[in-house]
Amino acid sequence: LQDLFEVGAAKAILAKHLPDIVDHPQLSMAMGLTLEQIAGFVPDMLKPEILKAIDDDLATISEG
């Protein structure tokens, strides 16, 4: 998560799919985790289809 927040385009993708994540009170505790690890704690928030959409969008910035 930390790595994604350090790249403006990646942070924008997270904000698009998870609008409340940027201001989430527990964000700092999650910075060392992967999205998949976070999904284990909040499966209702990070459903597989959301993770896939984020992954698909992230792939477009790494290709571009």
C-alpha atoms as a PDB file:
ATOM      1  CA  LEU A   1       0.000   0.000   0.000  1.00  0.00           C
ATOM      2  CA  GLN A   2       2.839   2.356   0.835  1.00  0.00           C
ATOM      3  CA  ASP A   3       4.325   1.888  -2.640  1.00  0.00           C
ATOM      4  CA  LEU A   4       0.985   2.621  -4.285  1.00  0.00           C
ATOM      5  CA  PHE A   5       0.499   5.803  -2.280  1.00  0.00           C
ATOM      6  CA  GLU A   6       3.917   7.052  -3.405  1.00  0.00           C
ATOM      7  CA  VAL A   7       2.881   7.023  -7.085  1.00  0.00           C
ATOM      8  CA  GLY A   8       0.330   9.692  -7.920  1.00  0.00           C
ATOM      9  CA  ALA A   9      -1.435   7.688 -10.630  1.00  0.00           C
ATOM     10  CA  ALA A  10      -1.640   4.605  -8.399  1.00  0.00           C
ATOM     11  CA  LYS A  11      -3.000   6.652  -5.490  1.00  0.00           C
ATOM     12  CA  ALA A  12      -5.647   8.066  -7.835  1.00  0.00           C
ATOM     13  CA  ILE A  13      -6.657   4.542  -8.838  1.00  0.00           C
ATOM     14  CA  LEU A  14      -7.040   3.557  -5.189  1.00  0.00           C
ATOM     15  CA  ALA A  15      -9.113   6.664  -4.535  1.00  0.00           C
ATOM     16  CA  LYS A  16     -11.298   5.834  -7.552  1.00  0.00           C
ATOM     17  CA  HIS A  17     -12.099   2.311  -6.364  1.00  0.00           C
ATOM     18  CA  LEU A  18     -11.881   2.962  -2.614  1.00  0.00           C
ATOM     19  CA  PRO A  19     -12.889   6.598  -2.125  1.00  0.00           C
ATOM     20  CA  ASP A  20     -12.711   6.453   1.673  1.00  0.00           C
ATOM     21  CA  ILE A  21      -9.233   4.936   1.867  1.00  0.00           C
ATOM     22  CA  VAL A  22      -7.254   8.188   1.694  1.00  0.00           C
ATOM     23  CA  ASP A  23      -8.864   9.547   4.867  1.00  0.00           C
ATOM     24  CA  HIS A  24      -9.350   6.248   6.680  1.00  0.00           C
ATOM     25  CA  PRO A  25      -8.331   6.576  10.339  1.00  0.00           C
ATOM     26  CA  GLN A  26      -6.416   3.274  10.290  1.00  0.00           C
ATOM     27  CA  LEU A  27      -4.593   3.921   7.021  1.00  0.00           C
ATOM     28  CA  SER A  28      -1.182   4.337   8.649  1.00  0.00           C
ATOM     29  CA  MET A  29      -1.454   0.874  10.216  1.00  0.00           C
ATOM     30  CA  ALA A  30      -2.100  -0.669   6.794  1.00  0.00           C
ATOM     31  CA  MET A  31       0.781   0.968   4.922  1.00  0.00           C
ATOM     32  CA  GLY A  32       3.045  -2.072   5.277  1.00  0.00           C
ATOM     33  CA  LEU A  33       0.420  -4.486   3.958  1.00  0.00           C
ATOM     34  CA  THR A  34      -0.588  -5.566   0.476  1.00  0.00           C
ATOM     35  CA  LEU A  35      -4.118  -5.032  -0.752  1.00  0.00           C
ATOM     36  CA  GLU A  36      -4.673  -8.784  -0.537  1.00  0.00           C
ATOM     37  CA  GLN A  37      -3.610  -8.757   3.117  1.00  0.00           C
ATOM     38  CA  ILE A  38      -5.917  -5.838   3.854  1.00  0.00           C
ATOM     39  CA  ALA A  39      -8.752  -7.688   2.096  1.00  0.00           C
ATOM     40  CA  GLY A  40      -8.382 -10.436   4.696  1.00  0.00           C
ATOM     41  CA  PHE A  41      -9.296  -7.913   7.386  1.00  0.00           C
ATOM     42  CA  VAL A  42     -12.056  -6.111   5.469  1.00  0.00           C
ATOM     43  CA  PRO A  43     -13.457  -8.595   2.937  1.00  0.00           C
ATOM     44  CA  ASP A  44     -16.665  -6.580   2.530  1.00  0.00           C
ATOM     45  CA  MET A  45     -14.655  -3.526   1.490  1.00  0.00           C
ATOM     46  CA  LEU A  46     -12.056  -5.227  -0.722  1.00  0.00           C
ATOM     47  CA  LYS A  47     -14.010  -7.825  -2.628  1.00  0.00           C
ATOM     48  CA  PRO A  48     -12.251  -9.889  -5.312  1.00  0.00           C
ATOM     49  CA  GLU A  49     -13.887  -7.912  -8.121  1.00  0.00           C
ATOM     50  CA  ILE A  50     -12.641  -4.631  -6.648  1.00  0.00           C
ATOM     51  CA  LEU A  51      -9.121  -6.031  -6.272  1.00  0.00           C
ATOM     52  CA  LYS A  52      -9.233  -7.157  -9.916  1.00  0.00           C
ATOM     53  CA  ALA A  53     -10.442  -3.746 -11.100  1.00  0.00           C
ATOM     54  CA  ILE A  54      -7.633  -2.048  -9.166  1.00  0.00           C
ATOM     55  CA  ASP A  55      -5.112  -4.508 -10.590  1.00  0.00           C
ATOM     56  CA  ASP A  56      -6.401  -3.936 -14.133  1.00  0.00           C
ATOM     57  CA  ASP A  57      -6.158  -0.168 -13.737  1.00  0.00           C
ATOM     58  CA  LEU A  58      -2.671  -0.391 -12.199  1.00  0.00           C
ATOM     59  CA  ALA A  59      -1.557  -2.476 -15.180  1.00  0.00           C
ATOM     60  CA  THR A  60      -2.475   0.383 -17.518  1.00  0.00           C
ATOM     61  CA  ILE A  61      -0.135   2.809 -15.760  1.00  0.00           C
ATOM     62  CA  SER A  62       2.750   0.332 -15.662  1.00  0.00           C
ATOM     63  CA  GLU A  63       2.321  -0.296 -19.389  1.00  0.00           C
ATOM     64  CA  GLY A  64       1.984   3.392 -20.240  1.00  0.00           C
END
